[in-house]
Amino acid sequence: HHRPMSRYMTLLLAAGLQLVRFEEPPAIGGPPPAR
């Protein structure tokens, strides 16, 4: 299922939750082409 990012954020905020961390971590290992 695809949803735009704003849909996730809106629903989580509406549930009364607070965002404390957001990361887009890089790949740090694995086969070089895939990394």
PDB file of all heavy atoms in Angstrom:
ATOM      1  N   HIS A   1       0.831  -1.196   0.000  1.00  0.00           N
ATOM      2  CA  HIS A   1       0.000   0.000   0.000  1.00  0.00           C
ATOM      3  C   HIS A   1       0.873   1.256   0.000  1.00  0.00           C
ATOM      4  O   HIS A   1       1.790   1.379   0.810  1.00  0.00           O
ATOM      5  CB  HIS A   1      -0.911   0.014   1.231  1.00  0.00           C
ATOM      6  CG  HIS A   1      -1.910  -1.097   1.237  1.00  0.00           C
ATOM      7  ND1 HIS A   1      -3.187  -0.956   0.759  1.00  0.00           N
ATOM      8  CD2 HIS A   1      -1.799  -2.387   1.640  1.00  0.00           C
ATOM      9  CE1 HIS A   1      -3.833  -2.097   0.883  1.00  0.00           C
ATOM     10  NE2 HIS A   1      -3.009  -2.977   1.413  1.00  0.00           N
ATOM     11  N   HIS A   2       0.569   2.171  -0.886  1.00  0.00           N
ATOM     12  CA  HIS A   2       1.255   3.463  -0.923  1.00  0.00           C
ATOM     13  C   HIS A   2       0.388   4.532  -0.288  1.00  0.00           C
ATOM     14  O   HIS A   2      -0.821   4.606  -0.534  1.00  0.00           O
ATOM     15  CB  HIS A   2       1.564   3.884  -2.364  1.00  0.00           C
ATOM     16  CG  HIS A   2       1.888   5.350  -2.465  1.00  0.00           C
ATOM     17  ND1 HIS A   2       3.109   5.865  -2.059  1.00  0.00           N
ATOM     18  CD2 HIS A   2       1.137   6.419  -2.868  1.00  0.00           C
ATOM     19  CE1 HIS A   2       3.098   7.175  -2.221  1.00  0.00           C
ATOM     20  NE2 HIS A   2       1.921   7.541  -2.703  1.00  0.00           N
ATOM     21  N   ARG A   3       1.022   5.356   0.532  1.00  0.00           N
ATOM     22  CA  ARG A   3       0.411   6.596   1.036  1.00  0.00           C
ATOM     23  C   ARG A   3       1.465   7.692   0.991  1.00  0.00           C
ATOM     24  O   ARG A   3       2.648   7.420   1.229  1.00  0.00           O
ATOM     25  CB  ARG A   3      -0.079   6.461   2.481  1.00  0.00           C
ATOM     26  CG  ARG A   3      -1.262   5.518   2.678  1.00  0.00           C
ATOM     27  CD  ARG A   3      -0.841   4.179   3.196  1.00  0.00           C
ATOM     28  NE  ARG A   3      -1.985   3.309   3.471  1.00  0.00           N
ATOM     29  CZ  ARG A   3      -1.874   2.095   3.990  1.00  0.00           C
ATOM     30  NH1 ARG A   3      -0.683   1.600   4.296  1.00  0.00           N
ATOM     31  NH2 ARG A   3      -2.946   1.358   4.201  1.00  0.00           N
ATOM     32  N   PRO A   4       1.089   8.927   0.731  1.00  0.00           N
ATOM     33  CA  PRO A   4       2.069  10.014   0.815  1.00  0.00           C
ATOM     34  C   PRO A   4       2.543  10.176   2.249  1.00  0.00           C
ATOM     35  O   PRO A   4       1.850   9.815   3.206  1.00  0.00           O
ATOM     36  CB  PRO A   4       1.290  11.239   0.336  1.00  0.00           C
ATOM     37  CG  PRO A   4      -0.138  10.899   0.552  1.00  0.00           C
ATOM     38  CD  PRO A   4      -0.258   9.423   0.374  1.00  0.00           C
ATOM     39  N   MET A   5       3.723  10.715   2.405  1.00  0.00           N
ATOM     40  CA  MET A   5       4.295  10.871   3.744  1.00  0.00           C
ATOM     41  C   MET A   5       3.388  11.691   4.652  1.00  0.00           C
ATOM     42  O   MET A   5       3.277  11.421   5.858  1.00  0.00           O
ATOM     43  CB  MET A   5       5.671  11.528   3.631  1.00  0.00           C
ATOM     44  CG  MET A   5       6.462  11.531   4.923  1.00  0.00           C
ATOM     45  SD  MET A   5       6.941   9.845   5.368  1.00  0.00           S
ATOM     46  CE  MET A   5       7.604  10.115   7.002  1.00  0.00           C
ATOM     47  N   SER A   6       2.731  12.671   4.086  1.00  0.00           N
ATOM     48  CA  SER A   6       1.863  13.528   4.896  1.00  0.00           C
ATOM     49  C   SER A   6       0.722  12.736   5.530  1.00  0.00           C
ATOM     50  O   SER A   6       0.252  13.083   6.620  1.00  0.00           O
ATOM     51  CB  SER A   6       1.279  14.664   4.043  1.00  0.00           C
ATOM     52  OG  SER A   6       0.566  14.144   2.941  1.00  0.00           O
ATOM     53  N   ARG A   7       0.296  11.665   4.878  1.00  0.00           N
ATOM     54  CA  ARG A   7      -0.793  10.867   5.445  1.00  0.00           C
ATOM     55  C   ARG A   7      -0.324  10.146   6.710  1.00  0.00           C
ATOM     56  O   ARG A   7      -1.033  10.122   7.719  1.00  0.00           O
ATOM     57  CB  ARG A   7      -1.291   9.875   4.411  1.00  0.00           C
ATOM     58  CG  ARG A   7      -2.452   9.001   4.873  1.00  0.00           C
ATOM     59  CD  ARG A   7      -3.434   8.789   3.744  1.00  0.00           C
ATOM     60  NE  ARG A   7      -4.382   7.725   4.006  1.00  0.00           N
ATOM     61  CZ  ARG A   7      -5.457   7.855   4.785  1.00  0.00           C
ATOM     62  NH1 ARG A   7      -5.695   9.017   5.404  1.00  0.00           N
ATOM     63  NH2 ARG A   7      -6.276   6.854   4.968  1.00  0.00           N
ATOM     64  N   TYR A   8       0.845   9.558   6.662  1.00  0.00           N
ATOM     65  CA  TYR A   8       1.381   8.921   7.870  1.00  0.00           C
ATOM     66  C   TYR A   8       1.518   9.938   8.999  1.00  0.00           C
ATOM     67  O   TYR A   8       1.092   9.691  10.139  1.00  0.00           O
ATOM     68  CB  TYR A   8       2.758   8.321   7.584  1.00  0.00           C
ATOM     69  CG  TYR A   8       2.750   7.126   6.665  1.00  0.00           C
ATOM     70  CD1 TYR A   8       3.247   7.221   5.368  1.00  0.00           C
ATOM     71  CD2 TYR A   8       2.277   5.886   7.101  1.00  0.00           C
ATOM     72  CE1 TYR A   8       3.256   6.114   4.521  1.00  0.00           C
ATOM     73  CE2 TYR A   8       2.287   4.776   6.264  1.00  0.00           C
ATOM     74  CZ  TYR A   8       2.780   4.901   4.972  1.00  0.00           C
ATOM     75  OH  TYR A   8       2.793   3.812   4.144  1.00  0.00           O
ATOM     76  N   MET A   9       2.114  11.085   8.680  1.00  0.00           N
ATOM     77  CA  MET A   9       2.376  12.069   9.729  1.00  0.00           C
ATOM     78  C   MET A   9       1.081  12.602  10.331  1.00  0.00           C
ATOM     79  O   MET A   9       0.960  12.753  11.549  1.00  0.00           O
ATOM     80  CB  MET A   9       3.205  13.219   9.162  1.00  0.00           C
ATOM     81  CG  MET A   9       4.519  12.786   8.522  1.00  0.00           C
ATOM     82  SD  MET A   9       5.625  11.899   9.650  1.00  0.00           S
ATOM     83  CE  MET A   9       6.301  13.267  10.580  1.00  0.00           C
ATOM     84  N   THR A  10       0.095  12.875   9.490  1.00  0.00           N
ATOM     85  CA  THR A  10      -1.183  13.405   9.968  1.00  0.00           C
ATOM     86  C   THR A  10      -1.868  12.413  10.901  1.00  0.00           C
ATOM     87  O   THR A  10      -2.398  12.794  11.961  1.00  0.00           O
ATOM     88  CB  THR A  10      -2.093  13.735   8.781  1.00  0.00           C
ATOM     89  OG1 THR A  10      -1.471  14.738   7.977  1.00  0.00           O
ATOM     90  CG2 THR A  10      -3.450  14.232   9.251  1.00  0.00           C
ATOM     91  N   LEU A  11      -1.862  11.132  10.534  1.00  0.00           N
ATOM     92  CA  LEU A  11      -2.526  10.122  11.357  1.00  0.00           C
ATOM     93  C   LEU A  11      -1.809   9.919  12.687  1.00  0.00           C
ATOM     94  O   LEU A  11      -2.442   9.763  13.731  1.00  0.00           O
ATOM     95  CB  LEU A  11      -2.601   8.800  10.591  1.00  0.00           C
ATOM     96  CG  LEU A  11      -3.561   8.782   9.401  1.00  0.00           C
ATOM     97  CD1 LEU A  11      -3.361   7.511   8.572  1.00  0.00           C
ATOM     98  CD2 LEU A  11      -5.011   8.884   9.875  1.00  0.00           C
ATOM     99  N   LEU A  12      -0.487   9.911  12.668  1.00  0.00           N
ATOM    100  CA  LEU A  12       0.272   9.726  13.908  1.00  0.00           C
ATOM    101  C   LEU A  12       0.090  10.915  14.852  1.00  0.00           C
ATOM    102  O   LEU A  12      -0.069  10.745  16.069  1.00  0.00           O
ATOM    103  CB  LEU A  12       1.747   9.520  13.576  1.00  0.00           C
ATOM    104  CG  LEU A  12       2.070   8.154  12.936  1.00  0.00           C
ATOM    105  CD1 LEU A  12       3.379   8.214  12.166  1.00  0.00           C
ATOM    106  CD2 LEU A  12       2.124   7.062  14.007  1.00  0.00           C
ATOM    107  N   LEU A  13       0.081  12.120  14.298  1.00  0.00           N
ATOM    108  CA  LEU A  13      -0.152  13.304  15.132  1.00  0.00           C
ATOM    109  C   LEU A  13      -1.584  13.310  15.674  1.00  0.00           C
ATOM    110  O   LEU A  13      -1.810  13.665  16.833  1.00  0.00           O
ATOM    111  CB  LEU A  13       0.118  14.566  14.313  1.00  0.00           C
ATOM    112  CG  LEU A  13       1.582  14.815  13.947  1.00  0.00           C
ATOM    113  CD1 LEU A  13       1.684  15.934  12.909  1.00  0.00           C
ATOM    114  CD2 LEU A  13       2.399  15.167  15.191  1.00  0.00           C
ATOM    115  N   ALA A  14      -2.538  12.897  14.851  1.00  0.00           N
ATOM    116  CA  ALA A  14      -3.934  12.860  15.288  1.00  0.00           C
ATOM    117  C   ALA A  14      -4.156  11.831  16.386  1.00  0.00           C
ATOM    118  O   ALA A  14      -5.094  11.967  17.185  1.00  0.00           O
ATOM    119  CB  ALA A  14      -4.846  12.552  14.094  1.00  0.00           C
ATOM    120  N   ALA A  15      -3.291  10.815  16.442  1.00  0.00           N
ATOM    121  CA  ALA A  15      -3.394   9.805  17.503  1.00  0.00           C
ATOM    122  C   ALA A  15      -2.810  10.303  18.821  1.00  0.00           C
ATOM    123  O   ALA A  15      -2.795   9.567  19.811  1.00  0.00           O
ATOM    124  CB  ALA A  15      -2.681   8.525  17.065  1.00  0.00           C
ATOM    125  N   GLY A  16      -2.336  11.542  18.846  1.00  0.00           N
ATOM    126  CA  GLY A  16      -1.813  12.133  20.069  1.00  0.00           C
ATOM    127  C   GLY A  16      -0.354  11.822  20.329  1.00  0.00           C
ATOM    128  O   GLY A  16       0.140  12.039  21.439  1.00  0.00           O
ATOM    129  N   LEU A  17       0.364  11.346  19.317  1.00  0.00           N
ATOM    130  CA  LEU A  17       1.769  10.988  19.478  1.00  0.00           C
ATOM    131  C   LEU A  17       2.667  12.171  19.124  1.00  0.00           C
ATOM    132  O   LEU A  17       2.280  13.051  18.361  1.00  0.00           O
ATOM    133  CB  LEU A  17       2.108   9.783  18.603  1.00  0.00           C
ATOM    134  CG  LEU A  17       1.265   8.534  18.876  1.00  0.00           C
ATOM    135  CD1 LEU A  17       1.572   7.452  17.850  1.00  0.00           C
ATOM    136  CD2 LEU A  17       1.489   8.006  20.293  1.00  0.00           C
ATOM    137  N   GLN A  18       3.871  12.157  19.664  1.00  0.00           N
ATOM    138  CA  GLN A  18       4.846  13.221  19.401  1.00  0.00           C
ATOM    139  C   GLN A  18       6.084  12.622  18.738  1.00  0.00           C
ATOM    140  O   GLN A  18       6.627  11.626  19.217  1.00  0.00           O
ATOM    141  CB  GLN A  18       5.249  13.912  20.707  1.00  0.00           C
ATOM    142  CG  GLN A  18       4.120  14.694  21.362  1.00  0.00           C
ATOM    143  CD  GLN A  18       4.551  15.373  22.652  1.00  0.00           C
ATOM    144  OE1 GLN A  18       5.620  15.091  23.184  1.00  0.00           O
ATOM    145  NE2 GLN A  18       3.725  16.268  23.152  1.00  0.00           N
ATOM    146  N   LEU A  19       6.524  13.246  17.659  1.00  0.00           N
ATOM    147  CA  LEU A  19       7.709  12.790  16.947  1.00  0.00           C
ATOM    148  C   LEU A  19       8.960  13.278  17.679  1.00  0.00           C
ATOM    149  O   LEU A  19       9.107  14.471  17.936  1.00  0.00           O
ATOM    150  CB  LEU A  19       7.707  13.333  15.518  1.00  0.00           C
ATOM    151  CG  LEU A  19       8.895  12.936  14.636  1.00  0.00           C
ATOM    152  CD1 LEU A  19       8.905  11.438  14.367  1.00  0.00           C
ATOM    153  CD2 LEU A  19       8.843  13.711  13.317  1.00  0.00           C
ATOM    154  N   VAL A  20       9.852  12.336  18.006  1.00  0.00           N
ATOM    155  CA  VAL A  20      11.086  12.715  18.699  1.00  0.00           C
ATOM    156  C   VAL A  20      12.336  12.363  17.902  1.00  0.00           C
ATOM    157  O   VAL A  20      13.434  12.809  18.243  1.00  0.00           O
ATOM    158  CB  VAL A  20      11.166  12.060  20.099  1.00  0.00           C
ATOM    159  CG1 VAL A  20      10.039  12.570  20.985  1.00  0.00           C
ATOM    160  CG2 VAL A  20      11.126  10.541  20.009  1.00  0.00           C
ATOM    161  N   ARG A  21      12.193  11.556  16.831  1.00  0.00           N
ATOM    162  CA  ARG A  21      13.356  11.201  16.025  1.00  0.00           C
ATOM    163  C   ARG A  21      12.909  10.809  14.618  1.00  0.00           C
ATOM    164  O   ARG A  21      11.919  10.101  14.454  1.00  0.00           O
ATOM    165  CB  ARG A  21      14.108  10.030  16.660  1.00  0.00           C
ATOM    166  CG  ARG A  21      15.432   9.684  15.968  1.00  0.00           C
ATOM    167  CD  ARG A  21      16.003   8.397  16.541  1.00  0.00           C
ATOM    168  NE  ARG A  21      16.240   8.520  17.976  1.00  0.00           N
ATOM    169  CZ  ARG A  21      17.416   8.758  18.533  1.00  0.00           C
ATOM    170  NH1 ARG A  21      18.483   8.902  17.765  1.00  0.00           N
ATOM    171  NH2 ARG A  21      17.543   8.841  19.847  1.00  0.00           N
ATOM    172  N   PHE A  22      13.662  11.301  13.632  1.00  0.00           N
ATOM    173  CA  PHE A  22      13.425  10.915  12.234  1.00  0.00           C
ATOM    174  C   PHE A  22      14.775  10.753  11.558  1.00  0.00           C
ATOM    175  O   PHE A  22      15.599  11.665  11.594  1.00  0.00           O
ATOM    176  CB  PHE A  22      12.594  11.977  11.496  1.00  0.00           C
ATOM    177  CG  PHE A  22      12.231  11.576  10.095  1.00  0.00           C
ATOM    178  CD1 PHE A  22      11.010  10.993   9.821  1.00  0.00           C
ATOM    179  CD2 PHE A  22      13.120  11.759   9.039  1.00  0.00           C
ATOM    180  CE1 PHE A  22      10.673  10.603   8.536  1.00  0.00           C
ATOM    181  CE2 PHE A  22      12.802  11.374   7.758  1.00  0.00           C
ATOM    182  CZ  PHE A  22      11.571  10.798   7.494  1.00  0.00           C
ATOM    183  N   GLU A  23      15.010   9.579  10.978  1.00  0.00           N
ATOM    184  CA  GLU A  23      16.295   9.301  10.331  1.00  0.00           C
ATOM    185  C   GLU A  23      16.059   8.645   8.971  1.00  0.00           C
ATOM    186  O   GLU A  23      15.097   7.888   8.796  1.00  0.00           O
ATOM    187  CB  GLU A  23      17.141   8.344  11.176  1.00  0.00           C
ATOM    188  CG  GLU A  23      17.516   8.842  12.544  1.00  0.00           C
ATOM    189  CD  GLU A  23      18.348   7.807  13.292  1.00  0.00           C
ATOM    190  OE1 GLU A  23      19.051   7.011  12.633  1.00  0.00           O
ATOM    191  OE2 GLU A  23      18.267   7.792  14.533  1.00  0.00           O
ATOM    192  N   GLU A  24      16.960   8.917   8.042  1.00  0.00           N
ATOM    193  CA  GLU A  24      17.050   8.173   6.798  1.00  0.00           C
ATOM    194  C   GLU A  24      18.457   7.570   6.754  1.00  0.00           C
ATOM    195  O   GLU A  24      19.355   8.111   6.117  1.00  0.00           O
ATOM    196  CB  GLU A  24      16.781   9.075   5.599  1.00  0.00           C
ATOM    197  CG  GLU A  24      15.347   9.577   5.548  1.00  0.00           C
ATOM    198  CD  GLU A  24      15.113  10.558   4.430  1.00  0.00           C
ATOM    199  OE1 GLU A  24      15.657  11.683   4.517  1.00  0.00           O
ATOM    200  OE2 GLU A  24      14.400  10.204   3.475  1.00  0.00           O
ATOM    201  N   PRO A  25      18.658   6.468   7.467  1.00  0.00           N
ATOM    202  CA  PRO A  25      20.021   5.946   7.636  1.00  0.00           C
ATOM    203  C   PRO A  25      20.593   5.412   6.329  1.00  0.00           C
ATOM    204  O   PRO A  25      19.875   4.834   5.509  1.00  0.00           O
ATOM    205  CB  PRO A  25      19.836   4.822   8.663  1.00  0.00           C
ATOM    206  CG  PRO A  25      18.400   4.431   8.555  1.00  0.00           C
ATOM    207  CD  PRO A  25      17.660   5.681   8.203  1.00  0.00           C
ATOM    208  N   PRO A  26      21.890   5.577   6.127  1.00  0.00           N
ATOM    209  CA  PRO A  26      22.533   5.031   4.936  1.00  0.00           C
ATOM    210  C   PRO A  26      22.840   3.553   5.121  1.00  0.00           C
ATOM    211  O   PRO A  26      22.844   3.033   6.247  1.00  0.00           O
ATOM    212  CB  PRO A  26      23.829   5.839   4.856  1.00  0.00           C
ATOM    213  CG  PRO A  26      24.158   6.111   6.294  1.00  0.00           C
ATOM    214  CD  PRO A  26      22.825   6.336   6.975  1.00  0.00           C
ATOM    215  N   ALA A  27      23.097   2.881   4.020  1.00  0.00           N
ATOM    216  CA  ALA A  27      23.612   1.517   4.086  1.00  0.00           C
ATOM    217  C   ALA A  27      25.075   1.571   4.507  1.00  0.00           C
ATOM    218  O   ALA A  27      25.853   2.370   3.976  1.00  0.00           O
ATOM    219  CB  ALA A  27      23.477   0.838   2.733  1.00  0.00           C
ATOM    220  N   ILE A  28      25.460   0.718   5.450  1.00  0.00           N
ATOM    221  CA  ILE A  28      26.825   0.757   5.968  1.00  0.00           C
ATOM    222  C   ILE A  28      27.584  -0.539   5.705  1.00  0.00           C
ATOM    223  O   ILE A  28      28.660  -0.751   6.246  1.00  0.00           O
ATOM    224  CB  ILE A  28      26.841   1.065   7.472  1.00  0.00           C
ATOM    225  CG1 ILE A  28      26.095  -0.016   8.263  1.00  0.00           C
ATOM    226  CG2 ILE A  28      26.230   2.432   7.743  1.00  0.00           C
ATOM    227  CD1 ILE A  28      26.274   0.110   9.761  1.00  0.00           C
ATOM    228  N   GLY A  29      27.017  -1.403   4.884  1.00  0.00           N
ATOM    229  CA  GLY A  29      27.677  -2.664   4.569  1.00  0.00           C
ATOM    230  C   GLY A  29      26.984  -3.327   3.408  1.00  0.00           C
ATOM    231  O   GLY A  29      26.174  -2.722   2.714  1.00  0.00           O
ATOM    232  N   GLY A  30      27.302  -4.589   3.210  1.00  0.00           N
ATOM    233  CA  GLY A  30      26.690  -5.347   2.141  1.00  0.00           C
ATOM    234  C   GLY A  30      27.465  -5.246   0.844  1.00  0.00           C
ATOM    235  O   GLY A  30      28.485  -4.555   0.760  1.00  0.00           O
ATOM    236  N   PRO A  31      26.989  -5.910  -0.199  1.00  0.00           N
ATOM    237  CA  PRO A  31      27.667  -5.867  -1.498  1.00  0.00           C
ATOM    238  C   PRO A  31      27.783  -4.428  -2.006  1.00  0.00           C
ATOM    239  O   PRO A  31      26.805  -3.678  -1.961  1.00  0.00           O
ATOM    240  CB  PRO A  31      26.745  -6.706  -2.399  1.00  0.00           C
ATOM    241  CG  PRO A  31      25.960  -7.570  -1.459  1.00  0.00           C
ATOM    242  CD  PRO A  31      25.792  -6.775  -0.207  1.00  0.00           C
ATOM    243  N   PRO A  32      28.949  -4.018  -2.467  1.00  0.00           N
ATOM    244  CA  PRO A  32      29.137  -2.624  -2.909  1.00  0.00           C
ATOM    245  C   PRO A  32      28.109  -2.125  -3.923  1.00  0.00           C
ATOM    246  O   PRO A  32      27.630  -0.997  -3.771  1.00  0.00           O
ATOM    247  CB  PRO A  32      30.557  -2.629  -3.477  1.00  0.00           C
ATOM    248  CG  PRO A  32      31.248  -3.702  -2.710  1.00  0.00           C
ATOM    249  CD  PRO A  32      30.223  -4.775  -2.486  1.00  0.00           C
ATOM    250  N   PRO A  33      27.727  -2.906  -4.945  1.00  0.00           N
ATOM    251  CA  PRO A  33      26.718  -2.373  -5.884  1.00  0.00           C
ATOM    252  C   PRO A  33      25.389  -2.068  -5.197  1.00  0.00           C
ATOM    253  O   PRO A  33      24.754  -1.047  -5.488  1.00  0.00           O
ATOM    254  CB  PRO A  33      26.581  -3.489  -6.924  1.00  0.00           C
ATOM    255  CG  PRO A  33      27.855  -4.251  -6.852  1.00  0.00           C
ATOM    256  CD  PRO A  33      28.247  -4.209  -5.411  1.00  0.00           C
ATOM    257  N   ALA A  34      24.971  -2.961  -4.306  1.00  0.00           N
ATOM    258  CA  ALA A  34      23.711  -2.728  -3.594  1.00  0.00           C
ATOM    259  C   ALA A  34      23.827  -1.533  -2.659  1.00  0.00           C
ATOM    260  O   ALA A  34      22.906  -0.723  -2.547  1.00  0.00           O
ATOM    261  CB  ALA A  34      23.319  -3.981  -2.809  1.00  0.00           C
ATOM    262  N   ARG A  35      24.967  -1.413  -1.991  1.00  0.00           N
ATOM    263  CA  ARG A  35      25.171  -0.284  -1.079  1.00  0.00           C
ATOM    264  C   ARG A  35      25.176   1.034  -1.843  1.00  0.00           C
ATOM    265  O   ARG A  35      24.572   2.023  -1.413  1.00  0.00           O
ATOM    266  CB  ARG A  35      26.477  -0.473  -0.308  1.00  0.00           C
ATOM    267  CG  ARG A  35      26.725   0.599   0.743  1.00  0.00           C
ATOM    268  CD  ARG A  35      27.896   0.244   1.620  1.00  0.00           C
ATOM    269  NE  ARG A  35      29.163   0.266   0.917  1.00  0.00           N
ATOM    270  CZ  ARG A  35      29.922  -0.806   0.700  1.00  0.00           C
ATOM    271  NH1 ARG A  35      29.528  -2.004   1.118  1.00  0.00           N
ATOM    272  NH2 ARG A  35      31.077  -0.694   0.056  1.00  0.00           N
TER     273      ARG A  35
END
